[in-house]
PDB file of N, CA and C in Angstrom:
ATOM      1  N   MET A   1     141.417 123.910 221.938  1.00  0.00           N
ATOM      2  CA  MET A   1     142.306 123.834 220.799  1.00  0.00           C
ATOM      3  C   MET A   1     141.703 124.644 219.660  1.00  0.00           C
ATOM      4  N   ILE A   2     142.490 125.497 219.013  1.00  0.00           N
ATOM      5  CA  ILE A   2     142.014 126.339 217.922  1.00  0.00           C
ATOM      6  C   ILE A   2     142.423 125.700 216.613  1.00  0.00           C
ATOM      7  N   HIS A   3     141.461 125.602 215.680  1.00  0.00           N
ATOM      8  CA  HIS A   3     141.697 124.995 214.385  1.00  0.00           C
ATOM      9  C   HIS A   3     141.457 126.003 213.280  1.00  0.00           C
ATOM     10  N   ASP A   4     142.073 125.789 212.135  1.00  0.00           N
ATOM     11  CA  ASP A   4     141.783 126.526 210.914  1.00  0.00           C
ATOM     12  C   ASP A   4     141.739 128.029 211.125  1.00  0.00           C
ATOM     13  N   LEU A   5     142.870 128.623 211.440  1.00  0.00           N
ATOM     14  CA  LEU A   5     142.905 130.062 211.599  1.00  0.00           C
ATOM     15  C   LEU A   5     142.451 130.723 210.307  1.00  0.00           C
ATOM     16  N   PRO A   6     141.553 131.712 210.390  1.00  0.00           N
ATOM     17  CA  PRO A   6     141.050 132.320 209.164  1.00  0.00           C
ATOM     18  C   PRO A   6     142.117 133.190 208.509  1.00  0.00           C
ATOM     19  N   PRO A   7     142.136 133.196 207.171  1.00  0.00           N
ATOM     20  CA  PRO A   7     143.036 134.115 206.491  1.00  0.00           C
ATOM     21  C   PRO A   7     142.562 135.543 206.739  1.00  0.00           C
ATOM     22  N   VAL A   8     143.446 136.483 206.596  1.00  0.00           N
ATOM     23  CA  VAL A   8     143.085 137.880 206.836  1.00  0.00           C
ATOM     24  C   VAL A   8     143.617 138.754 205.721  1.00  0.00           C
ATOM     25  N   ILE A   9     143.009 139.913 205.577  1.00  0.00           N
ATOM     26  CA  ILE A   9     143.474 140.929 204.646  1.00  0.00           C
ATOM     27  C   ILE A   9     143.756 142.166 205.482  1.00  0.00           C
ATOM     28  N   SER A  10     144.927 142.759 205.327  1.00  0.00           N
ATOM     29  CA  SER A  10     145.253 143.965 206.072  1.00  0.00           C
ATOM     30  C   SER A  10     144.988 145.184 205.210  1.00  0.00           C
ATOM     31  N   THR A  11     144.260 146.144 205.772  1.00  0.00           N
ATOM     32  CA  THR A  11     144.019 147.405 205.091  1.00  0.00           C
ATOM     33  C   THR A  11     144.284 148.515 206.086  1.00  0.00           C
ATOM     34  N   PHE A  12     145.186 149.403 205.754  1.00  0.00           N
ATOM     35  CA  PHE A  12     145.579 150.481 206.641  1.00  0.00           C
ATOM     36  C   PHE A  12     145.949 149.896 207.996  1.00  0.00           C
ATOM     37  N   ASN A  13     145.228 150.255 209.047  1.00  0.00           N
ATOM     38  CA  ASN A  13     145.575 149.744 210.370  1.00  0.00           C
ATOM     39  C   ASN A  13     144.574 148.700 210.876  1.00  0.00           C
ATOM     40  N   GLU A  14     143.760 148.182 209.999  1.00  0.00           N
ATOM     41  CA  GLU A  14     142.728 147.244 210.428  1.00  0.00           C
ATOM     42  C   GLU A  14     142.859 145.936 209.654  1.00  0.00           C
ATOM     43  N   THR A  15     142.622 144.843 210.325  1.00  0.00           N
ATOM     44  CA  THR A  15     142.675 143.532 209.693  1.00  0.00           C
ATOM     45  C   THR A  15     141.247 143.061 209.443  1.00  0.00           C
ATOM     46  N   ILE A  16     140.985 142.647 208.210  1.00  0.00           N
ATOM     47  CA  ILE A  16     139.667 142.148 207.849  1.00  0.00           C
ATOM     48  C   ILE A  16     139.738 140.630 207.795  1.00  0.00           C
ATOM     49  N   GLN A  17     138.846 140.001 208.536  1.00  0.00           N
ATOM     50  CA  GLN A  17     138.791 138.543 208.579  1.00  0.00           C
ATOM     51  C   GLN A  17     138.040 138.021 207.362  1.00  0.00           C
ATOM     52  N   ILE A  18     138.294 136.770 207.032  1.00  0.00           N
ATOM     53  CA  ILE A  18     137.638 136.137 205.890  1.00  0.00           C
ATOM     54  C   ILE A  18     136.818 134.951 206.381  1.00  0.00           C
ATOM     55  N   LEU A  19     135.555 134.888 205.956  1.00  0.00           N
ATOM     56  CA  LEU A  19     134.701 133.723 206.183  1.00  0.00           C
ATOM     57  C   LEU A  19     134.316 133.184 204.813  1.00  0.00           C
ATOM     58  N   ARG A  20     134.683 131.956 204.519  1.00  0.00           N
ATOM     59  CA  ARG A  20     134.283 131.331 203.260  1.00  0.00           C
ATOM     60  C   ARG A  20     132.916 130.688 203.472  1.00  0.00           C
ATOM     61  N   MET A  21     132.020 130.899 202.511  1.00  0.00           N
ATOM     62  CA  MET A  21     130.645 130.425 202.647  1.00  0.00           C
ATOM     63  C   MET A  21     130.238 129.679 201.383  1.00  0.00           C
ATOM     64  N   HIS A  22     129.500 128.606 201.548  1.00  0.00           N
ATOM     65  CA  HIS A  22     128.984 127.841 200.414  1.00  0.00           C
ATOM     66  C   HIS A  22     128.160 128.782 199.524  1.00  0.00           C
ATOM     67  N   PRO A  23     128.289 128.644 198.200  1.00  0.00           N
ATOM     68  CA  PRO A  23     127.578 129.548 197.277  1.00  0.00           C
ATOM     69  C   PRO A  23     126.067 129.616 197.498  1.00  0.00           C
ATOM     70  N   LYS A  24     125.450 128.520 197.960  1.00  0.00           N
ATOM     71  CA  LYS A  24     123.997 128.536 198.133  1.00  0.00           C
ATOM     72  C   LYS A  24     123.541 129.505 199.223  1.00  0.00           C
ATOM     73  N   HIS A  25     124.469 129.958 200.078  1.00  0.00           N
ATOM     74  CA  HIS A  25     124.110 130.880 201.154  1.00  0.00           C
ATOM     75  C   HIS A  25     124.327 132.348 200.796  1.00  0.00           C
ATOM     76  N   MET A  26     125.037 132.629 199.721  1.00  0.00           N
ATOM     77  CA  MET A  26     125.446 134.014 199.435  1.00  0.00           C
ATOM     78  C   MET A  26     124.251 134.947 199.233  1.00  0.00           C
ATOM     79  N   ASN A  27     123.230 134.532 198.493  1.00  0.00           N
ATOM     80  CA  ASN A  27     122.082 135.406 198.264  1.00  0.00           C
ATOM     81  C   ASN A  27     121.313 135.652 199.555  1.00  0.00           C
ATOM     82  N   LEU A  28     121.194 134.634 200.398  1.00  0.00           N
ATOM     83  CA  LEU A  28     120.519 134.808 201.688  1.00  0.00           C
ATOM     84  C   LEU A  28     121.252 135.826 202.553  1.00  0.00           C
ATOM     85  N   ILE A  29     122.567 135.816 202.485  1.00  0.00           N
ATOM     86  CA  ILE A  29     123.369 136.779 203.248  1.00  0.00           C
ATOM     87  C   ILE A  29     123.167 138.179 202.689  1.00  0.00           C
ATOM     88  N   ARG A  30     123.249 138.311 201.367  1.00  0.00           N
ATOM     89  CA  ARG A  30     123.050 139.622 200.725  1.00  0.00           C
ATOM     90  C   ARG A  30     121.684 140.209 201.073  1.00  0.00           C
ATOM     91  N   CYS A  31     120.664 139.347 201.135  1.00  0.00           N
ATOM     92  CA  CYS A  31     119.294 139.789 201.429  1.00  0.00           C
ATOM     93  C   CYS A  31     119.018 139.901 202.926  1.00  0.00           C
ATOM     94  N   ARG A  32     120.039 139.690 203.730  1.00  0.00           N
ATOM     95  CA  ARG A  32     119.950 139.769 205.200  1.00  0.00           C
ATOM     96  C   ARG A  32     119.018 138.722 205.794  1.00  0.00           C
ATOM     97  N   GLN A  33     118.852 137.604 205.102  1.00  0.00           N
ATOM     98  CA  GLN A  33     118.053 136.506 205.638  1.00  0.00           C
ATOM     99  C   GLN A  33     118.912 135.500 206.387  1.00  0.00           C
ATOM    100  N   LYS A  34     120.218 135.579 206.225  1.00  0.00           N
ATOM    101  CA  LYS A  34     121.159 134.728 206.964  1.00  0.00           C
ATOM    102  C   LYS A  34     122.216 135.636 207.572  1.00  0.00           C
ATOM    103  N   ASN A  35     122.330 135.589 208.899  1.00  0.00           N
ATOM    104  CA  ASN A  35     123.330 136.414 209.585  1.00  0.00           C
ATOM    105  C   ASN A  35     124.055 135.645 210.684  1.00  0.00           C
ATOM    106  N   ILE A  36     124.126 134.333 210.503  1.00  0.00           N
ATOM    107  CA  ILE A  36     124.757 133.471 211.494  1.00  0.00           C
ATOM    108  C   ILE A  36     125.338 132.259 210.784  1.00  0.00           C
ATOM    109  N   THR A  37     126.438 131.739 211.313  1.00  0.00           N
ATOM    110  CA  THR A  37     126.972 130.473 210.834  1.00  0.00           C
ATOM    111  C   THR A  37     127.466 129.678 212.033  1.00  0.00           C
ATOM    112  N   ILE A  38     127.345 128.380 211.932  1.00  0.00           N
ATOM    113  CA  ILE A  38     127.809 127.470 212.981  1.00  0.00           C
ATOM    114  C   ILE A  38     128.929 126.649 212.367  1.00  0.00           C
ATOM    115  N   ARG A  39     130.141 126.792 212.899  1.00  0.00           N
ATOM    116  CA  ARG A  39     131.327 126.150 212.340  1.00  0.00           C
ATOM    117  C   ARG A  39     131.924 125.151 213.318  1.00  0.00           C
ATOM    118  N   ARG A  40     132.457 124.054 212.755  1.00  0.00           N
ATOM    119  CA  ARG A  40     133.124 123.052 213.593  1.00  0.00           C
ATOM    120  C   ARG A  40     134.462 123.603 214.073  1.00  0.00           C
ATOM    121  N   GLY A  41     134.771 123.353 215.327  1.00  0.00           N
ATOM    122  CA  GLY A  41     136.039 123.783 215.906  1.00  0.00           C
ATOM    123  C   GLY A  41     135.916 125.142 216.568  1.00  0.00           C
ATOM    124  N   PHE A  42     136.876 125.454 217.386  1.00  0.00           N
ATOM    125  CA  PHE A  42     136.947 126.766 218.011  1.00  0.00           C
ATOM    126  C   PHE A  42     137.758 127.650 217.074  1.00  0.00           C
ATOM    127  N   LYS A  43     137.090 128.506 216.334  1.00  0.00           N
ATOM    128  CA  LYS A  43     137.711 129.332 215.303  1.00  0.00           C
ATOM    129  C   LYS A  43     138.325 130.587 215.904  1.00  0.00           C
ATOM    130  N   ASN A  44     139.444 130.972 215.355  1.00  0.00           N
ATOM    131  CA  ASN A  44     140.129 132.187 215.775  1.00  0.00           C
ATOM    132  C   ASN A  44     139.517 133.358 215.009  1.00  0.00           C
ATOM    133  N   ILE A  45     138.380 133.804 215.483  1.00  0.00           N
ATOM    134  CA  ILE A  45     137.674 134.918 214.850  1.00  0.00           C
ATOM    135  C   ILE A  45     137.144 135.800 215.966  1.00  0.00           C
ATOM    136  N   ARG A  46     136.986 137.067 215.675  1.00  0.00           N
ATOM    137  CA  ARG A  46     136.585 138.016 216.719  1.00  0.00           C
ATOM    138  C   ARG A  46     135.615 139.038 216.131  1.00  0.00           C
ATOM    139  N   PRO A  47     134.900 139.752 216.978  1.00  0.00           N
ATOM    140  CA  PRO A  47     134.050 140.831 216.464  1.00  0.00           C
ATOM    141  C   PRO A  47     134.887 141.849 215.696  1.00  0.00           C
ATOM    142  N   GLY A  48     134.291 142.373 214.624  1.00  0.00           N
ATOM    143  CA  GLY A  48     134.966 143.350 213.778  1.00  0.00           C
ATOM    144  C   GLY A  48     134.659 143.088 212.316  1.00  0.00           C
ATOM    145  N   PRO A  49     135.328 143.800 211.426  1.00  0.00           N
ATOM    146  CA  PRO A  49     135.038 143.663 209.995  1.00  0.00           C
ATOM    147  C   PRO A  49     135.448 142.301 209.457  1.00  0.00           C
ATOM    148  N   ALA A  50     134.673 141.824 208.465  1.00  0.00           N
ATOM    149  CA  ALA A  50     134.967 140.546 207.820  1.00  0.00           C
ATOM    150  C   ALA A  50     134.425 140.562 206.404  1.00  0.00           C
ATOM    151  N   LEU A  51     135.050 139.775 205.560  1.00  0.00           N
ATOM    152  CA  LEU A  51     134.544 139.534 204.213  1.00  0.00           C
ATOM    153  C   LEU A  51     134.010 138.119 204.169  1.00  0.00           C
ATOM    154  N   ILE A  52     132.768 137.979 203.715  1.00  0.00           N
ATOM    155  CA  ILE A  52     132.219 136.655 203.453  1.00  0.00           C
ATOM    156  C   ILE A  52     132.427 136.406 201.971  1.00  0.00           C
ATOM    157  N   ILE A  53     133.109 135.308 201.657  1.00  0.00           N
ATOM    158  CA  ILE A  53     133.527 135.023 200.286  1.00  0.00           C
ATOM    159  C   ILE A  53     132.937 133.697 199.833  1.00  0.00           C
ATOM    160  N   ASN A  54     132.416 133.685 198.620  1.00  0.00           N
ATOM    161  CA  ASN A  54     131.923 132.459 197.988  1.00  0.00           C
ATOM    162  C   ASN A  54     133.044 131.431 198.015  1.00  0.00           C
ATOM    163  N   SER A  55     132.788 130.277 198.603  1.00  0.00           N
ATOM    164  CA  SER A  55     133.834 129.262 198.776  1.00  0.00           C
ATOM    165  C   SER A  55     134.286 128.639 197.459  1.00  0.00           C
ATOM    166  N   ASP A  56     133.560 128.879 196.367  1.00  0.00           N
ATOM    167  CA  ASP A  56     133.982 128.360 195.066  1.00  0.00           C
ATOM    168  C   ASP A  56     135.115 129.179 194.451  1.00  0.00           C
ATOM    169  N   LEU A  57     135.338 130.386 194.955  1.00  0.00           N
ATOM    170  CA  LEU A  57     136.385 131.240 194.388  1.00  0.00           C
ATOM    171  C   LEU A  57     137.761 130.783 194.828  1.00  0.00           C
ATOM    172  N   LEU A  58     138.695 130.841 193.921  1.00  0.00           N
ATOM    173  CA  LEU A  58     140.084 130.508 194.246  1.00  0.00           C
ATOM    174  C   LEU A  58     140.816 131.787 194.608  1.00  0.00           C
ATOM    175  N   PRO A  59     141.494 131.817 195.759  1.00  0.00           N
ATOM    176  CA  PRO A  59     142.222 133.028 196.153  1.00  0.00           C
ATOM    177  C   PRO A  59     143.282 133.418 195.131  1.00  0.00           C
ATOM    178  N   ASN A  60     143.544 134.714 195.098  1.00  0.00           N
ATOM    179  CA  ASN A  60     144.609 135.289 194.269  1.00  0.00           C
ATOM    180  C   ASN A  60     144.404 135.055 192.777  1.00  0.00           C
ATOM    181  N   THR A  61     143.171 135.067 192.331  1.00  0.00           N
ATOM    182  CA  THR A  61     142.878 135.010 190.905  1.00  0.00           C
ATOM    183  C   THR A  61     142.161 136.292 190.520  1.00  0.00           C
ATOM    184  N   GLU A  62     142.133 136.597 189.250  1.00  0.00           N
ATOM    185  CA  GLU A  62     141.431 137.792 188.802  1.00  0.00           C
ATOM    186  C   GLU A  62     139.953 137.722 189.200  1.00  0.00           C
ATOM    187  N   GLU A  63     139.358 136.541 189.079  1.00  0.00           N
ATOM    188  CA  GLU A  63     137.959 136.364 189.461  1.00  0.00           C
ATOM    189  C   GLU A  63     137.764 136.712 190.938  1.00  0.00           C
ATOM    190  N   TYR A  64     138.679 136.300 191.768  1.00  0.00           N
ATOM    191  CA  TYR A  64     138.612 136.569 193.203  1.00  0.00           C
ATOM    192  C   TYR A  64     138.702 138.069 193.463  1.00  0.00           C
ATOM    193  N   LEU A  65     139.598 138.729 192.778  1.00  0.00           N
ATOM    194  CA  LEU A  65     139.833 140.151 193.023  1.00  0.00           C
ATOM    195  C   LEU A  65     138.667 141.032 192.585  1.00  0.00           C
ATOM    196  N   ILE A  66     137.933 140.615 191.558  1.00  0.00           N
ATOM    197  CA  ILE A  66     136.815 141.435 191.089  1.00  0.00           C
ATOM    198  C   ILE A  66     135.459 140.900 191.545  1.00  0.00           C
ATOM    199  N   SER A  67     135.460 139.909 192.399  1.00  0.00           N
ATOM    200  CA  SER A  67     134.227 139.211 192.750  1.00  0.00           C
ATOM    201  C   SER A  67     133.239 140.045 193.556  1.00  0.00           C
ATOM    202  N   GLN A  68     133.674 141.128 194.189  1.00  0.00           N
ATOM    203  CA  GLN A  68     132.725 141.934 194.945  1.00  0.00           C
ATOM    204  C   GLN A  68     131.663 142.508 194.018  1.00  0.00           C
ATOM    205  N   ALA A  69     132.038 142.818 192.782  1.00  0.00           N
ATOM    206  CA  ALA A  69     131.077 143.355 191.827  1.00  0.00           C
ATOM    207  C   ALA A  69     130.002 142.323 191.479  1.00  0.00           C
ATOM    208  N   THR A  70     130.301 141.050 191.581  1.00  0.00           N
ATOM    209  CA  THR A  70     129.337 140.003 191.244  1.00  0.00           C
ATOM    210  C   THR A  70     128.590 139.490 192.467  1.00  0.00           C
ATOM    211  N   GLY A  71     128.860 140.043 193.634  1.00  0.00           N
ATOM    212  CA  GLY A  71     128.172 139.614 194.843  1.00  0.00           C
ATOM    213  C   GLY A  71     128.791 138.407 195.505  1.00  0.00           C
ATOM    214  N   ASP A  72     129.968 138.002 195.068  1.00  0.00           N
ATOM    215  CA  ASP A  72     130.615 136.839 195.659  1.00  0.00           C
ATOM    216  C   ASP A  72     131.469 137.199 196.870  1.00  0.00           C
ATOM    217  N   VAL A  73     131.534 138.474 197.203  1.00  0.00           N
ATOM    218  CA  VAL A  73     132.213 138.946 198.409  1.00  0.00           C
ATOM    219  C   VAL A  73     131.284 139.957 199.070  1.00  0.00           C
ATOM    220  N   ILE A  74     131.040 139.774 200.359  1.00  0.00           N
ATOM    221  CA  ILE A  74     130.131 140.658 201.086  1.00  0.00           C
ATOM    222  C   ILE A  74     130.845 141.144 202.344  1.00  0.00           C
ATOM    223  N   LEU A  75     130.919 142.454 202.512  1.00  0.00           N
ATOM    224  CA  LEU A  75     131.517 143.041 203.711  1.00  0.00           C
ATOM    225  C   LEU A  75     130.487 143.024 204.833  1.00  0.00           C
ATOM    226  N   VAL A  76     130.872 142.461 205.973  1.00  0.00           N
ATOM    227  CA  VAL A  76     129.986 142.389 207.140  1.00  0.00           C
ATOM    228  C   VAL A  76     130.752 142.829 208.380  1.00  0.00           C
ATOM    229  N   GLY A  77     130.013 143.038 209.437  1.00  0.00           N
ATOM    230  CA  GLY A  77     130.608 143.288 210.750  1.00  0.00           C
ATOM    231  C   GLY A  77     130.276 142.124 211.666  1.00  0.00           C
ATOM    232  N   ILE A  78     131.293 141.400 212.119  1.00  0.00           N
ATOM    233  CA  ILE A  78     131.071 140.307 213.062  1.00  0.00           C
ATOM    234  C   ILE A  78     130.624 140.939 214.380  1.00  0.00           C
ATOM    235  N   GLU A  79     129.449 140.551 214.849  1.00  0.00           N
ATOM    236  CA  GLU A  79     128.902 141.119 216.082  1.00  0.00           C
ATOM    237  C   GLU A  79     129.186 140.268 217.310  1.00  0.00           C
ATOM    238  N   SER A  80     129.170 138.938 217.126  1.00  0.00           N
ATOM    239  CA  SER A  80     129.432 138.084 218.278  1.00  0.00           C
ATOM    240  C   SER A  80     130.021 136.755 217.831  1.00  0.00           C
ATOM    241  N   VAL A  81     130.813 136.192 218.733  1.00  0.00           N
ATOM    242  CA  VAL A  81     131.428 134.884 218.527  1.00  0.00           C
ATOM    243  C   VAL A  81     131.226 134.108 219.826  1.00  0.00           C
ATOM    244  N   ARG A  82     130.639 132.906 219.714  1.00  0.00           N
ATOM    245  CA  ARG A  82     130.418 132.084 220.910  1.00  0.00           C
ATOM    246  C   ARG A  82     131.009 130.706 220.682  1.00  0.00           C
ATOM    247  N   TYR A  83     131.847 130.272 221.629  1.00  0.00           N
ATOM    248  CA  TYR A  83     132.451 128.944 221.585  1.00  0.00           C
ATOM    249  C   TYR A  83     131.593 128.007 222.427  1.00  0.00           C
ATOM    250  N   THR A  84     131.260 126.848 221.852  1.00  0.00           N
ATOM    251  CA  THR A  84     130.368 125.922 222.525  1.00  0.00           C
ATOM    252  C   THR A  84     130.630 124.511 222.003  1.00  0.00           C
ATOM    253  N   PHE A  85     129.754 123.610 222.321  1.00  0.00           N
ATOM    254  CA  PHE A  85     129.817 122.245 221.788  1.00  0.00           C
ATOM    255  C   PHE A  85     128.523 121.985 221.031  1.00  0.00           C
ATOM    256  N   LEU A  86     128.566 121.057 220.104  1.00  0.00           N
ATOM    257  CA  LEU A  86     127.433 120.833 219.216  1.00  0.00           C
ATOM    258  C   LEU A  86     126.131 120.620 219.987  1.00  0.00           C
ATOM    259  N   ASP A  87     126.169 119.833 221.047  1.00  0.00           N
ATOM    260  CA  ASP A  87     124.922 119.576 221.772  1.00  0.00           C
ATOM    261  C   ASP A  87     124.484 120.750 222.648  1.00  0.00           C
ATOM    262  N   ASP A  88     125.279 121.824 222.694  1.00  0.00           N
ATOM    263  CA  ASP A  88     124.902 123.022 223.448  1.00  0.00           C
ATOM    264  C   ASP A  88     124.480 124.185 222.553  1.00  0.00           C
ATOM    265  N   ILE A  89     124.327 123.924 221.246  1.00  0.00           N
ATOM    266  CA  ILE A  89     123.800 124.964 220.359  1.00  0.00           C
ATOM    267  C   ILE A  89     122.384 125.283 220.837  1.00  0.00           C
ATOM    268  N   THR A  90     122.060 126.556 220.995  1.00  0.00           N
ATOM    269  CA  THR A  90     120.767 126.942 221.545  1.00  0.00           C
ATOM    270  C   THR A  90     119.680 126.919 220.471  1.00  0.00           C
ATOM    271  N   PRO A  91     118.420 126.785 220.897  1.00  0.00           N
ATOM    272  CA  PRO A  91     117.327 126.869 219.917  1.00  0.00           C
ATOM    273  C   PRO A  91     117.357 128.186 219.134  1.00  0.00           C
ATOM    274  N   GLU A  92     117.659 129.295 219.801  1.00  0.00           N
ATOM    275  CA  GLU A  92     117.745 130.576 219.095  1.00  0.00           C
ATOM    276  C   GLU A  92     118.788 130.509 217.978  1.00  0.00           C
ATOM    277  N   GLU A  93     119.936 129.894 218.255  1.00  0.00           N
ATOM    278  CA  GLU A  93     121.002 129.810 217.260  1.00  0.00           C
ATOM    279  C   GLU A  93     120.611 128.924 216.083  1.00  0.00           C
ATOM    280  N   TYR A  94     120.110 127.715 216.359  1.00  0.00           N
ATOM    281  CA  TYR A  94     119.797 126.851 215.219  1.00  0.00           C
ATOM    282  C   TYR A  94     118.575 127.353 214.448  1.00  0.00           C
ATOM    283  N   LEU A  95     117.611 127.971 215.124  1.00  0.00           N
ATOM    284  CA  LEU A  95     116.471 128.541 214.403  1.00  0.00           C
ATOM    285  C   LEU A  95     116.914 129.718 213.532  1.00  0.00           C
ATOM    286  N   ASP A  96     117.776 130.592 214.068  1.00  0.00           N
ATOM    287  CA  ASP A  96     118.285 131.724 213.293  1.00  0.00           C
ATOM    288  C   ASP A  96     119.079 131.271 212.076  1.00  0.00           C
ATOM    289  N   ASP A  97     119.701 130.084 212.165  1.00  0.00           N
ATOM    290  CA  ASP A  97     120.473 129.567 211.033  1.00  0.00           C
ATOM    291  C   ASP A  97     119.613 128.730 210.085  1.00  0.00           C
ATOM    292  N   GLY A  98     118.296 128.726 210.315  1.00  0.00           N
ATOM    293  CA  GLY A  98     117.393 128.076 209.379  1.00  0.00           C
ATOM    294  C   GLY A  98     117.082 126.624 209.662  1.00  0.00           C
ATOM    295  N   PHE A  99     117.478 126.122 210.811  1.00  0.00           N
ATOM    296  CA  PHE A  99     117.202 124.739 211.180  1.00  0.00           C
ATOM    297  C   PHE A  99     115.956 124.687 212.066  1.00  0.00           C
ATOM    298  N   VAL A 100     115.310 123.520 212.114  1.00  0.00           N
ATOM    299  CA  VAL A 100     114.079 123.392 212.901  1.00  0.00           C
ATOM    300  C   VAL A 100     114.296 122.713 214.245  1.00  0.00           C
ATOM    301  N   SER A 101     115.431 122.050 214.410  1.00  0.00           N
ATOM    302  CA  SER A 101     115.732 121.354 215.661  1.00  0.00           C
ATOM    303  C   SER A 101     117.236 121.132 215.750  1.00  0.00           C
ATOM    304  N   LEU A 102     117.686 120.692 216.915  1.00  0.00           N
ATOM    305  CA  LEU A 102     119.102 120.369 217.065  1.00  0.00           C
ATOM    306  C   LEU A 102     119.461 119.179 216.171  1.00  0.00           C
ATOM    307  N   ASN A 103     118.569 118.189 216.082  1.00  0.00           N
ATOM    308  CA  ASN A 103     118.843 117.045 215.203  1.00  0.00           C
ATOM    309  C   ASN A 103     118.952 117.473 213.738  1.00  0.00           C
ATOM    310  N   ASP A 104     118.093 118.384 213.305  1.00  0.00           N
ATOM    311  CA  ASP A 104     118.171 118.919 211.946  1.00  0.00           C
ATOM    312  C   ASP A 104     119.513 119.627 211.741  1.00  0.00           C
ATOM    313  N   THR A 105     119.938 120.375 212.745  1.00  0.00           N
ATOM    314  CA  THR A 105     121.229 121.072 212.684  1.00  0.00           C
ATOM    315  C   THR A 105     122.368 120.068 212.517  1.00  0.00           C
ATOM    316  N   ILE A 106     122.375 119.051 213.347  1.00  0.00           N
ATOM    317  CA  ILE A 106     123.441 118.046 213.304  1.00  0.00           C
ATOM    318  C   ILE A 106     123.457 117.350 211.952  1.00  0.00           C
ATOM    319  N   ASN A 107     122.289 116.932 211.460  1.00  0.00           N
ATOM    320  CA  ASN A 107     122.236 116.247 210.162  1.00  0.00           C
ATOM    321  C   ASN A 107     122.704 117.144 209.018  1.00  0.00           C
ATOM    322  N   SER A 108     122.348 118.421 209.065  1.00  0.00           N
ATOM    323  CA  SER A 108     122.787 119.354 208.016  1.00  0.00           C
ATOM    324  C   SER A 108     124.288 119.617 208.090  1.00  0.00           C
ATOM    325  N   LEU A 109     124.817 119.752 209.306  1.00  0.00           N
ATOM    326  CA  LEU A 109     126.254 119.997 209.452  1.00  0.00           C
ATOM    327  C   LEU A 109     127.083 118.805 208.982  1.00  0.00           C
ATOM    328  N   LYS A 110     126.511 117.618 209.027  1.00  0.00           N
ATOM    329  CA  LYS A 110     127.227 116.431 208.546  1.00  0.00           C
ATOM    330  C   LYS A 110     127.496 116.494 207.043  1.00  0.00           C
ATOM    331  N   GLU A 111     126.743 117.337 206.313  1.00  0.00           N
ATOM    332  CA  GLU A 111     127.015 117.540 204.888  1.00  0.00           C
ATOM    333  C   GLU A 111     128.355 118.239 204.688  1.00  0.00           C
ATOM    334  N   TYR A 112     128.760 119.041 205.656  1.00  0.00           N
ATOM    335  CA  TYR A 112     129.991 119.822 205.560  1.00  0.00           C
ATOM    336  C   TYR A 112     131.148 119.207 206.350  1.00  0.00           C
ATOM    337  N   TYR A 113     130.838 118.559 207.454  1.00  0.00           N
ATOM    338  CA  TYR A 113     131.867 118.082 208.373  1.00  0.00           C
ATOM    339  C   TYR A 113     131.723 116.589 208.629  1.00  0.00           C
ATOM    340  N   ASP A 114     132.820 115.871 208.486  1.00  0.00           N
ATOM    341  CA  ASP A 114     132.840 114.449 208.809  1.00  0.00           C
ATOM    342  C   ASP A 114     132.998 114.267 210.319  1.00  0.00           C
ATOM    343  N   ASN A 115     132.487 113.175 210.811  1.00  0.00           N
ATOM    344  CA  ASN A 115     132.749 112.736 212.185  1.00  0.00           C
ATOM    345  C   ASN A 115     132.401 113.759 213.252  1.00  0.00           C
ATOM    346  N   ILE A 116     131.260 114.412 213.132  1.00  0.00           N
ATOM    347  CA  ILE A 116     130.858 115.292 214.228  1.00  0.00           C
ATOM    348  C   ILE A 116     130.023 114.496 215.226  1.00  0.00           C
ATOM    349  N   THR A 117     130.178 114.843 216.478  1.00  0.00           N
ATOM    350  CA  THR A 117     129.458 114.190 217.568  1.00  0.00           C
ATOM    351  C   THR A 117     128.879 115.280 218.464  1.00  0.00           C
ATOM    352  N   PRO A 118     128.017 114.932 219.393  1.00  0.00           N
ATOM    353  CA  PRO A 118     127.473 115.956 220.291  1.00  0.00           C
ATOM    354  C   PRO A 118     128.544 116.743 221.044  1.00  0.00           C
ATOM    355  N   SER A 119     129.714 116.154 221.274  1.00  0.00           N
ATOM    356  CA  SER A 119     130.770 116.856 222.014  1.00  0.00           C
ATOM    357  C   SER A 119     131.759 117.595 221.102  1.00  0.00           C
ATOM    358  N   THR A 120     131.462 117.684 219.812  1.00  0.00           N
ATOM    359  CA  THR A 120     132.352 118.399 218.891  1.00  0.00           C
ATOM    360  C   THR A 120     132.361 119.890 219.231  1.00  0.00           C
ATOM    361  N   PRO A 121     133.549 120.499 219.374  1.00  0.00           N
ATOM    362  CA  PRO A 121     133.628 121.946 219.600  1.00  0.00           C
ATOM    363  C   PRO A 121     133.075 122.700 218.389  1.00  0.00           C
ATOM    364  N   MET A 122     132.355 123.781 218.656  1.00  0.00           N
ATOM    365  CA  MET A 122     131.736 124.578 217.601  1.00  0.00           C
ATOM    366  C   MET A 122     131.925 126.063 217.906  1.00  0.00           C
ATOM    367  N   THR A 123     131.887 126.857 216.831  1.00  0.00           N
ATOM    368  CA  THR A 123     131.910 128.306 216.961  1.00  0.00           C
ATOM    369  C   THR A 123     130.665 128.850 216.281  1.00  0.00           C
ATOM    370  N   VAL A 124     129.913 129.678 217.001  1.00  0.00           N
ATOM    371  CA  VAL A 124     128.726 130.324 216.461  1.00  0.00           C
ATOM    372  C   VAL A 124     129.088 131.783 216.194  1.00  0.00           C
ATOM    373  N   ILE A 125     128.960 132.186 214.925  1.00  0.00           N
ATOM    374  CA  ILE A 125     129.384 133.521 214.496  1.00  0.00           C
ATOM    375  C   ILE A 125     128.157 134.272 213.973  1.00  0.00           C
ATOM    376  N   ARG A 126     127.933 135.477 214.494  1.00  0.00           N
ATOM    377  CA  ARG A 126     126.828 136.343 214.038  1.00  0.00           C
ATOM    378  C   ARG A 126     127.419 137.610 213.433  1.00  0.00           C
ATOM    379  N   TRP A 127     126.750 138.118 212.398  1.00  0.00           N
ATOM    380  CA  TRP A 127     127.204 139.354 211.751  1.00  0.00           C
ATOM    381  C   TRP A 127     126.020 140.213 211.348  1.00  0.00           C
ATOM    382  N   ASP A 128     126.338 141.438 210.931  1.00  0.00           N
ATOM    383  CA  ASP A 128     125.364 142.355 210.351  1.00  0.00           C
ATOM    384  C   ASP A 128     126.011 142.986 209.130  1.00  0.00           C
ATOM    385  N   ILE A 129     125.186 143.281 208.147  1.00  0.00           N
ATOM    386  CA  ILE A 129     125.696 143.910 206.913  1.00  0.00           C
ATOM    387  C   ILE A 129     125.610 145.420 207.078  1.00  0.00           C
TER     388      ILE A 129
END
């Protein structure tokens, strides 16, 4: 089952996907210290161009439109998308996302997602700037 289809922006003949990211991660992404995210659900996202946007921004506002100048929007290339379940997240994936163990990953994800269990569907998304 696919949940939360990402919004898209069309430019010329290419569609740019949008990934909303908590503000505390934006500087790590800009500095290339974070290049992976683990999301609840099987997300409709694919390799290709994407904008990572500060989740505090409201769409269709002047602040949103000029936010690239302030670093609140980062253009990336999605390199890989893997569909899995929470208890099948690999050590490479959780370590790359800054966690020290699967339990640390689960506890941290509970800050963002209610009611996650080991069998919760997840999407692991990797990008490069």
